[in-house]
N, C-alpha and C. Protein backbone atom coordinates (compact mmCIF):
# COMPACT_ATOMS: atom_id res chain seq x y z
N MET A 1 17.22 5.45 -7.39
CA MET A 1 16.23 5.66 -6.38
C MET A 1 15.26 4.48 -6.43
N ALA A 2 15.05 3.84 -5.29
CA ALA A 2 14.12 2.71 -5.20
C ALA A 2 12.70 3.22 -5.38
N ILE A 3 11.88 2.42 -6.07
CA ILE A 3 10.47 2.75 -6.24
C ILE A 3 9.64 1.52 -5.92
N SER A 4 8.43 1.75 -5.47
CA SER A 4 7.54 0.65 -5.12
C SER A 4 6.98 0.00 -6.38
N VAL A 5 6.40 -1.17 -6.21
CA VAL A 5 5.78 -1.86 -7.33
C VAL A 5 4.62 -1.02 -7.88
N ASP A 6 3.95 -0.27 -7.02
CA ASP A 6 2.85 0.60 -7.46
C ASP A 6 3.36 1.69 -8.40
N VAL A 7 4.46 2.34 -8.00
CA VAL A 7 5.03 3.41 -8.82
C VAL A 7 5.56 2.85 -10.13
N ALA A 8 6.22 1.71 -10.07
CA ALA A 8 6.73 1.08 -11.30
C ALA A 8 5.57 0.80 -12.26
N TYR A 9 4.47 0.31 -11.72
CA TYR A 9 3.29 0.01 -12.54
C TYR A 9 2.73 1.28 -13.18
N ILE A 10 2.55 2.31 -12.37
CA ILE A 10 1.99 3.57 -12.88
C ILE A 10 2.89 4.15 -13.97
N ILE A 11 4.20 4.15 -13.73
CA ILE A 11 5.13 4.65 -14.76
C ILE A 11 5.01 3.81 -16.02
N SER A 12 4.93 2.50 -15.86
CA SER A 12 4.91 1.62 -17.04
C SER A 12 3.67 1.82 -17.91
N ILE A 13 2.56 2.19 -17.32
CA ILE A 13 1.35 2.36 -18.13
C ILE A 13 1.11 3.80 -18.57
N THR A 14 1.85 4.74 -18.00
CA THR A 14 1.67 6.14 -18.38
C THR A 14 2.86 6.70 -19.13
N MET A 15 3.96 5.95 -19.18
CA MET A 15 5.19 6.44 -19.79
C MET A 15 5.04 6.55 -21.31
N PRO A 16 5.48 7.68 -21.86
CA PRO A 16 5.44 7.81 -23.32
C PRO A 16 6.40 6.83 -23.98
N ILE A 17 6.08 6.44 -25.19
CA ILE A 17 6.95 5.53 -25.93
C ILE A 17 8.19 6.26 -26.44
N ASN A 18 8.08 7.57 -26.59
CA ASN A 18 9.18 8.41 -27.05
C ASN A 18 10.41 8.21 -26.16
N GLU A 19 11.52 7.78 -26.74
CA GLU A 19 12.75 7.49 -25.99
C GLU A 19 13.25 8.70 -25.20
N LYS A 20 13.07 9.89 -25.73
CA LYS A 20 13.59 11.09 -25.08
C LYS A 20 12.89 11.37 -23.74
N GLU A 21 11.60 11.06 -23.67
CA GLU A 21 10.82 11.32 -22.47
C GLU A 21 10.68 10.09 -21.58
N LYS A 22 11.25 9.00 -21.98
CA LYS A 22 11.11 7.73 -21.27
C LYS A 22 11.85 7.75 -19.92
N ILE A 23 11.23 7.17 -18.93
CA ILE A 23 11.87 7.02 -17.61
C ILE A 23 12.32 5.57 -17.51
N PRO A 24 13.63 5.33 -17.55
CA PRO A 24 14.10 3.93 -17.50
C PRO A 24 13.88 3.32 -16.11
N ILE A 25 13.25 2.16 -16.09
CA ILE A 25 13.01 1.42 -14.84
C ILE A 25 13.90 0.19 -14.86
N PHE A 26 14.56 -0.05 -13.73
CA PHE A 26 15.44 -1.20 -13.59
C PHE A 26 14.86 -2.15 -12.55
N PHE A 27 15.22 -3.41 -12.66
CA PHE A 27 14.73 -4.44 -11.74
C PHE A 27 15.92 -5.27 -11.29
N SER A 28 16.03 -5.47 -9.99
CA SER A 28 17.16 -6.26 -9.48
C SER A 28 16.69 -7.44 -8.62
N GLY A 29 15.56 -8.02 -8.98
CA GLY A 29 15.08 -9.20 -8.27
C GLY A 29 14.05 -8.86 -7.20
N SER A 30 13.73 -9.87 -6.41
CA SER A 30 12.75 -9.73 -5.32
C SER A 30 13.34 -10.28 -4.04
N GLU A 31 12.91 -9.73 -2.94
CA GLU A 31 13.35 -10.24 -1.64
C GLU A 31 12.30 -9.92 -0.58
N PRO A 32 12.22 -10.74 0.44
CA PRO A 32 11.26 -10.47 1.52
C PRO A 32 11.65 -9.20 2.27
N LEU A 33 10.66 -8.39 2.58
CA LEU A 33 10.88 -7.18 3.38
C LEU A 33 10.10 -7.34 4.68
N LYS A 34 10.76 -7.14 5.78
CA LYS A 34 10.12 -7.32 7.09
C LYS A 34 8.89 -6.42 7.21
N GLY A 35 7.77 -7.05 7.52
CA GLY A 35 6.54 -6.31 7.72
C GLY A 35 5.78 -5.96 6.44
N VAL A 36 6.25 -6.44 5.29
CA VAL A 36 5.60 -6.13 4.02
C VAL A 36 5.06 -7.42 3.40
N LEU A 37 3.79 -7.45 3.10
CA LEU A 37 3.14 -8.60 2.46
C LEU A 37 3.44 -9.92 3.17
N LYS A 38 3.40 -9.87 4.48
CA LYS A 38 3.71 -11.06 5.30
C LYS A 38 5.04 -11.68 4.88
N GLU A 39 5.96 -10.81 4.50
CA GLU A 39 7.34 -11.16 4.13
C GLU A 39 7.44 -12.04 2.88
N ALA A 40 6.47 -11.92 1.99
CA ALA A 40 6.59 -12.55 0.67
C ALA A 40 7.61 -11.74 -0.13
N PRO A 41 8.26 -12.35 -1.11
CA PRO A 41 9.26 -11.60 -1.89
C PRO A 41 8.64 -10.35 -2.54
N TYR A 42 9.27 -9.21 -2.32
CA TYR A 42 8.80 -7.93 -2.85
C TYR A 42 9.78 -7.47 -3.93
N PRO A 43 9.27 -7.00 -5.08
CA PRO A 43 10.15 -6.62 -6.19
C PRO A 43 10.99 -5.38 -5.90
N ASN A 44 12.24 -5.43 -6.35
CA ASN A 44 13.15 -4.29 -6.22
C ASN A 44 13.25 -3.56 -7.55
N PHE A 45 12.42 -2.54 -7.71
CA PHE A 45 12.48 -1.67 -8.88
C PHE A 45 13.24 -0.41 -8.50
N TRP A 46 13.92 0.17 -9.47
CA TRP A 46 14.61 1.43 -9.20
C TRP A 46 14.75 2.24 -10.47
N ILE A 47 14.94 3.54 -10.26
CA ILE A 47 15.17 4.49 -11.35
C ILE A 47 16.54 5.09 -11.13
N ASP A 48 17.34 5.12 -12.17
CA ASP A 48 18.68 5.69 -12.07
C ASP A 48 18.58 7.21 -12.19
N MET A 49 18.84 7.90 -11.10
CA MET A 49 18.73 9.36 -11.07
C MET A 49 20.10 10.04 -11.18
N SER A 50 21.16 9.27 -11.37
CA SER A 50 22.50 9.87 -11.39
C SER A 50 22.80 10.52 -12.73
N ASP A 51 23.77 11.44 -12.71
CA ASP A 51 24.20 12.13 -13.93
C ASP A 51 24.75 11.13 -14.94
N TYR A 52 24.67 11.52 -16.19
CA TYR A 52 25.13 10.65 -17.27
C TYR A 52 26.59 10.25 -17.10
N ASN A 53 27.42 11.16 -16.62
CA ASN A 53 28.86 10.90 -16.49
C ASN A 53 29.25 10.40 -15.09
N SER A 54 28.29 10.08 -14.26
CA SER A 54 28.60 9.67 -12.89
C SER A 54 29.21 8.26 -12.85
N LEU A 55 29.88 7.98 -11.76
CA LEU A 55 30.48 6.67 -11.54
C LEU A 55 29.40 5.58 -11.57
N PHE A 56 28.23 5.87 -10.99
CA PHE A 56 27.16 4.87 -10.96
C PHE A 56 26.71 4.48 -12.37
N LYS A 57 26.62 5.45 -13.26
CA LYS A 57 26.24 5.15 -14.65
C LYS A 57 27.30 4.27 -15.29
N LYS A 58 28.57 4.59 -15.02
CA LYS A 58 29.67 3.80 -15.59
C LYS A 58 29.63 2.37 -15.05
N GLU A 59 29.31 2.22 -13.76
CA GLU A 59 29.18 0.87 -13.18
C GLU A 59 28.05 0.10 -13.86
N ASP A 60 26.93 0.77 -14.08
CA ASP A 60 25.81 0.12 -14.76
C ASP A 60 26.21 -0.34 -16.16
N GLN A 61 27.00 0.49 -16.84
CA GLN A 61 27.46 0.12 -18.18
C GLN A 61 28.37 -1.10 -18.11
N LEU A 62 29.27 -1.13 -17.11
CA LEU A 62 30.16 -2.29 -16.95
C LEU A 62 29.38 -3.57 -16.64
N LEU A 63 28.37 -3.42 -15.83
CA LEU A 63 27.56 -4.58 -15.44
C LEU A 63 26.51 -4.92 -16.49
N SER A 64 26.44 -4.11 -17.51
CA SER A 64 25.43 -4.29 -18.58
C SER A 64 24.03 -4.39 -17.99
N THR A 65 23.71 -3.43 -17.14
CA THR A 65 22.40 -3.39 -16.52
C THR A 65 21.42 -2.67 -17.44
N PRO A 66 20.60 -3.42 -18.16
CA PRO A 66 19.66 -2.76 -19.08
C PRO A 66 18.38 -2.33 -18.36
N ALA A 67 17.78 -1.27 -18.87
CA ALA A 67 16.47 -0.86 -18.36
C ALA A 67 15.45 -1.88 -18.86
N CYS A 68 14.39 -2.06 -18.09
CA CYS A 68 13.32 -2.99 -18.46
C CYS A 68 12.40 -2.33 -19.48
N SER A 69 11.80 -3.12 -20.32
CA SER A 69 10.80 -2.57 -21.24
C SER A 69 9.55 -2.24 -20.44
N ARG A 70 8.86 -1.22 -20.87
CA ARG A 70 7.65 -0.81 -20.14
C ARG A 70 6.61 -1.91 -20.15
N ASP A 71 6.52 -2.65 -21.25
CA ASP A 71 5.54 -3.75 -21.32
C ASP A 71 5.89 -4.87 -20.34
N ALA A 72 7.18 -5.16 -20.20
CA ALA A 72 7.61 -6.21 -19.27
C ALA A 72 7.32 -5.80 -17.83
N VAL A 73 7.56 -4.52 -17.50
CA VAL A 73 7.27 -4.03 -16.15
C VAL A 73 5.77 -4.10 -15.88
N LYS A 74 4.98 -3.65 -16.83
CA LYS A 74 3.52 -3.67 -16.68
C LYS A 74 3.02 -5.10 -16.47
N GLU A 75 3.49 -6.01 -17.30
CA GLU A 75 3.06 -7.41 -17.19
C GLU A 75 3.48 -8.02 -15.85
N TYR A 76 4.72 -7.76 -15.42
CA TYR A 76 5.20 -8.28 -14.14
C TYR A 76 4.33 -7.74 -13.00
N CYS A 77 4.10 -6.42 -13.00
CA CYS A 77 3.33 -5.80 -11.92
C CYS A 77 1.91 -6.35 -11.87
N GLU A 78 1.28 -6.50 -13.03
CA GLU A 78 -0.08 -7.04 -13.05
C GLU A 78 -0.12 -8.46 -12.48
N THR A 79 0.88 -9.26 -12.83
CA THR A 79 0.97 -10.62 -12.30
C THR A 79 1.21 -10.59 -10.79
N PHE A 80 2.06 -9.68 -10.34
CA PHE A 80 2.36 -9.52 -8.92
C PHE A 80 1.08 -9.15 -8.15
N PHE A 81 0.33 -8.17 -8.67
CA PHE A 81 -0.91 -7.76 -7.99
C PHE A 81 -1.91 -8.91 -7.93
N GLU A 82 -1.98 -9.70 -8.98
CA GLU A 82 -2.89 -10.85 -9.01
C GLU A 82 -2.44 -11.92 -8.01
N GLU A 83 -1.14 -12.19 -7.99
CA GLU A 83 -0.58 -13.22 -7.10
C GLU A 83 -0.82 -12.88 -5.62
N TYR A 84 -0.71 -11.60 -5.28
CA TYR A 84 -0.83 -11.18 -3.89
C TYR A 84 -2.08 -10.33 -3.66
N LYS A 85 -3.16 -10.66 -4.36
CA LYS A 85 -4.38 -9.85 -4.29
C LYS A 85 -5.02 -9.82 -2.90
N ASN A 86 -4.67 -10.75 -2.03
CA ASN A 86 -5.20 -10.71 -0.67
C ASN A 86 -4.49 -9.67 0.20
N TYR A 87 -3.37 -9.16 -0.28
CA TYR A 87 -2.57 -8.21 0.50
C TYR A 87 -2.43 -6.84 -0.15
N ILE A 88 -2.54 -6.79 -1.47
CA ILE A 88 -2.27 -5.55 -2.20
C ILE A 88 -3.15 -5.53 -3.45
N PHE A 89 -3.48 -4.35 -3.91
CA PHE A 89 -4.25 -4.27 -5.16
C PHE A 89 -3.58 -3.31 -6.13
N ARG A 90 -3.96 -3.48 -7.37
CA ARG A 90 -3.44 -2.64 -8.44
C ARG A 90 -3.80 -1.19 -8.12
N PRO A 91 -2.84 -0.27 -8.21
CA PRO A 91 -3.15 1.13 -7.87
C PRO A 91 -4.08 1.76 -8.91
N PHE A 92 -4.83 2.73 -8.45
CA PHE A 92 -5.71 3.46 -9.36
C PHE A 92 -5.85 4.88 -8.84
N ILE A 93 -6.23 5.77 -9.73
CA ILE A 93 -6.47 7.16 -9.35
C ILE A 93 -7.96 7.41 -9.58
N TYR A 94 -8.65 7.65 -8.49
CA TYR A 94 -10.10 7.84 -8.54
C TYR A 94 -10.44 9.00 -9.48
N LYS A 95 -11.32 8.73 -10.42
CA LYS A 95 -11.76 9.71 -11.41
C LYS A 95 -10.61 10.29 -12.22
N ASP A 96 -9.65 9.45 -12.59
CA ASP A 96 -8.54 9.87 -13.45
C ASP A 96 -9.11 10.37 -14.77
N LYS A 97 -8.82 11.62 -15.09
CA LYS A 97 -9.39 12.22 -16.30
C LYS A 97 -8.87 11.57 -17.58
N THR A 98 -7.68 10.98 -17.54
CA THR A 98 -7.14 10.33 -18.74
C THR A 98 -7.71 8.92 -18.90
N ASN A 99 -8.37 8.42 -17.86
CA ASN A 99 -8.95 7.07 -17.86
C ASN A 99 -7.91 5.97 -17.99
N THR A 100 -6.65 6.30 -17.73
CA THR A 100 -5.58 5.32 -17.85
C THR A 100 -5.57 4.37 -16.66
N ILE A 101 -5.72 4.92 -15.48
CA ILE A 101 -5.66 4.09 -14.27
C ILE A 101 -6.79 4.44 -13.31
N SER A 102 -8.00 4.55 -13.84
CA SER A 102 -9.12 4.99 -13.01
C SER A 102 -9.98 3.85 -12.48
N ASN A 103 -9.74 2.63 -12.92
CA ASN A 103 -10.60 1.52 -12.51
C ASN A 103 -10.13 0.89 -11.20
N PRO A 104 -10.97 0.98 -10.16
CA PRO A 104 -10.61 0.30 -8.91
C PRO A 104 -10.70 -1.21 -9.10
N PRO A 105 -9.98 -1.98 -8.30
CA PRO A 105 -10.04 -3.44 -8.43
C PRO A 105 -11.41 -3.98 -8.03
N ASP A 106 -11.71 -5.18 -8.47
CA ASP A 106 -12.98 -5.83 -8.15
C ASP A 106 -13.17 -5.89 -6.64
N GLY A 107 -14.36 -5.55 -6.19
CA GLY A 107 -14.69 -5.63 -4.77
C GLY A 107 -14.20 -4.45 -3.95
N TYR A 108 -13.52 -3.50 -4.57
CA TYR A 108 -12.94 -2.37 -3.83
C TYR A 108 -14.02 -1.55 -3.13
N ASN A 109 -15.06 -1.18 -3.87
CA ASN A 109 -16.11 -0.33 -3.29
C ASN A 109 -16.80 -1.02 -2.12
N GLU A 110 -17.04 -2.33 -2.24
CA GLU A 110 -17.68 -3.07 -1.15
C GLU A 110 -16.77 -3.08 0.09
N LYS A 111 -15.47 -3.31 -0.13
CA LYS A 111 -14.53 -3.31 0.99
C LYS A 111 -14.45 -1.93 1.64
N LEU A 112 -14.46 -0.88 0.81
CA LEU A 112 -14.41 0.48 1.33
C LEU A 112 -15.63 0.77 2.20
N ILE A 113 -16.81 0.36 1.75
CA ILE A 113 -18.04 0.57 2.52
C ILE A 113 -17.95 -0.18 3.85
N THR A 114 -17.44 -1.41 3.84
CA THR A 114 -17.29 -2.19 5.07
C THR A 114 -16.33 -1.49 6.03
N ILE A 115 -15.22 -1.02 5.52
CA ILE A 115 -14.24 -0.32 6.36
C ILE A 115 -14.86 0.94 6.96
N GLN A 116 -15.61 1.69 6.15
CA GLN A 116 -16.25 2.91 6.65
C GLN A 116 -17.26 2.59 7.75
N LYS A 117 -18.04 1.52 7.57
CA LYS A 117 -19.01 1.12 8.60
C LYS A 117 -18.29 0.72 9.89
N GLU A 118 -17.21 -0.06 9.74
CA GLU A 118 -16.45 -0.49 10.92
C GLU A 118 -15.83 0.71 11.63
N TYR A 119 -15.37 1.68 10.86
CA TYR A 119 -14.77 2.87 11.46
C TYR A 119 -15.82 3.65 12.24
N ARG A 120 -17.00 3.84 11.63
CA ARG A 120 -18.07 4.56 12.33
C ARG A 120 -18.47 3.83 13.62
N LYS A 121 -18.56 2.50 13.54
CA LYS A 121 -18.91 1.69 14.70
C LYS A 121 -17.84 1.85 15.79
N PHE A 122 -16.58 1.78 15.38
CA PHE A 122 -15.48 1.93 16.34
C PHE A 122 -15.50 3.33 16.96
N LYS A 123 -15.73 4.33 16.13
CA LYS A 123 -15.76 5.71 16.62
C LYS A 123 -16.89 5.89 17.64
N ARG A 124 -18.05 5.30 17.33
CA ARG A 124 -19.19 5.37 18.24
C ARG A 124 -18.86 4.67 19.56
N GLN A 125 -18.25 3.47 19.47
CA GLN A 125 -17.89 2.72 20.68
C GLN A 125 -16.86 3.49 21.50
N THR A 126 -15.89 4.09 20.81
CA THR A 126 -14.86 4.85 21.50
C THR A 126 -15.47 6.05 22.21
N SER A 127 -16.40 6.71 21.54
CA SER A 127 -17.08 7.86 22.12
C SER A 127 -17.86 7.44 23.37
N GLU A 128 -18.55 6.30 23.28
CA GLU A 128 -19.30 5.78 24.42
C GLU A 128 -18.36 5.46 25.58
N LYS A 129 -17.23 4.85 25.26
CA LYS A 129 -16.27 4.49 26.30
C LYS A 129 -15.70 5.74 26.96
N TYR A 130 -15.48 6.78 26.15
CA TYR A 130 -14.98 8.03 26.71
C TYR A 130 -16.01 8.62 27.67
N SER A 131 -17.29 8.59 27.26
CA SER A 131 -18.35 9.11 28.11
C SER A 131 -18.44 8.31 29.41
N GLU A 132 -18.35 6.97 29.28
CA GLU A 132 -18.40 6.12 30.47
C GLU A 132 -17.20 6.39 31.37
N HIS A 133 -16.04 6.61 30.76
CA HIS A 133 -14.83 6.90 31.53
C HIS A 133 -14.98 8.22 32.27
N LYS A 134 -15.55 9.21 31.58
CA LYS A 134 -15.75 10.51 32.21
C LYS A 134 -16.70 10.37 33.40
N SER A 135 -17.74 9.54 33.24
CA SER A 135 -18.68 9.38 34.34
C SER A 135 -18.00 8.64 35.50
N LEU A 136 -17.08 7.73 35.20
CA LEU A 136 -16.33 7.03 36.24
C LEU A 136 -15.47 8.02 37.01
N GLU A 137 -14.88 8.97 36.27
CA GLU A 137 -14.05 9.99 36.92
C GLU A 137 -14.87 10.83 37.89
N ARG A 138 -16.13 11.02 37.57
CA ARG A 138 -17.00 11.82 38.44
C ARG A 138 -17.59 10.97 39.57
N GLY A 139 -17.22 9.69 39.61
CA GLY A 139 -17.72 8.82 40.66
C GLY A 139 -19.10 8.26 40.37
N LYS A 140 -19.54 8.35 39.11
CA LYS A 140 -20.86 7.84 38.73
C LYS A 140 -20.69 6.72 37.71
N GLY A 141 -21.76 6.02 37.43
CA GLY A 141 -21.76 5.08 36.32
C GLY A 141 -21.05 3.77 36.61
N MET A 142 -20.24 3.34 35.67
CA MET A 142 -19.66 2.00 35.73
C MET A 142 -18.50 1.91 36.72
N THR A 143 -18.26 0.69 37.15
CA THR A 143 -17.15 0.43 38.05
C THR A 143 -15.85 0.41 37.25
N GLU A 144 -14.75 0.51 37.96
CA GLU A 144 -13.45 0.46 37.30
C GLU A 144 -13.24 -0.90 36.64
N GLU A 145 -13.71 -1.97 37.28
CA GLU A 145 -13.59 -3.31 36.71
C GLU A 145 -14.33 -3.41 35.37
N LYS A 146 -15.54 -2.86 35.31
CA LYS A 146 -16.33 -2.87 34.08
C LYS A 146 -15.64 -2.03 33.00
N PHE A 147 -15.09 -0.90 33.39
CA PHE A 147 -14.37 -0.05 32.43
C PHE A 147 -13.18 -0.80 31.85
N ASN A 148 -12.39 -1.48 32.69
CA ASN A 148 -11.22 -2.23 32.21
C ASN A 148 -11.63 -3.38 31.30
N GLU A 149 -12.75 -4.02 31.60
CA GLU A 149 -13.25 -5.09 30.74
C GLU A 149 -13.62 -4.54 29.36
N LYS A 150 -14.32 -3.43 29.34
CA LYS A 150 -14.70 -2.82 28.06
C LYS A 150 -13.46 -2.33 27.30
N LYS A 151 -12.50 -1.82 28.00
CA LYS A 151 -11.25 -1.38 27.38
C LYS A 151 -10.55 -2.56 26.71
N ALA A 152 -10.47 -3.69 27.41
CA ALA A 152 -9.84 -4.90 26.86
C ALA A 152 -10.60 -5.39 25.63
N ASN A 153 -11.94 -5.33 25.68
CA ASN A 153 -12.75 -5.73 24.52
C ASN A 153 -12.49 -4.83 23.32
N THR A 154 -12.33 -3.54 23.58
CA THR A 154 -12.05 -2.60 22.49
C THR A 154 -10.70 -2.89 21.86
N ILE A 155 -9.71 -3.14 22.67
CA ILE A 155 -8.37 -3.45 22.16
C ILE A 155 -8.40 -4.73 21.34
N GLU A 156 -9.12 -5.73 21.83
CA GLU A 156 -9.26 -6.99 21.09
C GLU A 156 -9.96 -6.75 19.75
N PHE A 157 -11.00 -5.94 19.75
CA PHE A 157 -11.73 -5.60 18.52
C PHE A 157 -10.79 -4.94 17.51
N ILE A 158 -10.01 -3.99 17.95
CA ILE A 158 -9.08 -3.28 17.06
C ILE A 158 -8.05 -4.25 16.50
N ASN A 159 -7.50 -5.10 17.34
CA ASN A 159 -6.49 -6.06 16.87
C ASN A 159 -7.06 -7.01 15.83
N LYS A 160 -8.30 -7.44 16.00
CA LYS A 160 -8.94 -8.32 15.01
C LYS A 160 -9.09 -7.60 13.68
N LYS A 161 -9.47 -6.33 13.71
CA LYS A 161 -9.65 -5.56 12.48
C LYS A 161 -8.31 -5.35 11.78
N ILE A 162 -7.26 -5.13 12.54
CA ILE A 162 -5.93 -4.94 11.96
C ILE A 162 -5.46 -6.22 11.30
N ASP A 163 -5.71 -7.37 11.94
CA ASP A 163 -5.27 -8.66 11.39
C ASP A 163 -6.02 -9.03 10.12
N ASN A 164 -7.24 -8.53 9.97
CA ASN A 164 -8.03 -8.83 8.76
C ASN A 164 -7.70 -7.81 7.74
């Protein structure tokens, strides 16, 4: 089963050292994925979920596909998050009681506040546009030309926010 770099990282830092409870993580390289990280190479991690006696397990044995060490996965993922920090951040669980993965990345809270402000601003603008549109429907208020201009400005605003 394919897993994301985030899941691989979380497993690597929370996985017990005990071999019996260990979840083996495999890595088969990196490749660009359309629409992901501006098509930078994305790591292919996976977990073998097949039965011990399955054909897939036998193929892995023939190919000598070893599971990765948890430390190697952790180190790779941390380097990956650092390399692509403009597009992705190290995962965290807010108020994680174990304190294992509770630290948000640097600047996270500031970015969250900015996003919340932009969302409230957008919501307010959308609400105003809806009110103006309703008044246009009643034959009052702004002209259709003015409404279309404001609509185009809103779409441009949204597209700029998505690109950033």
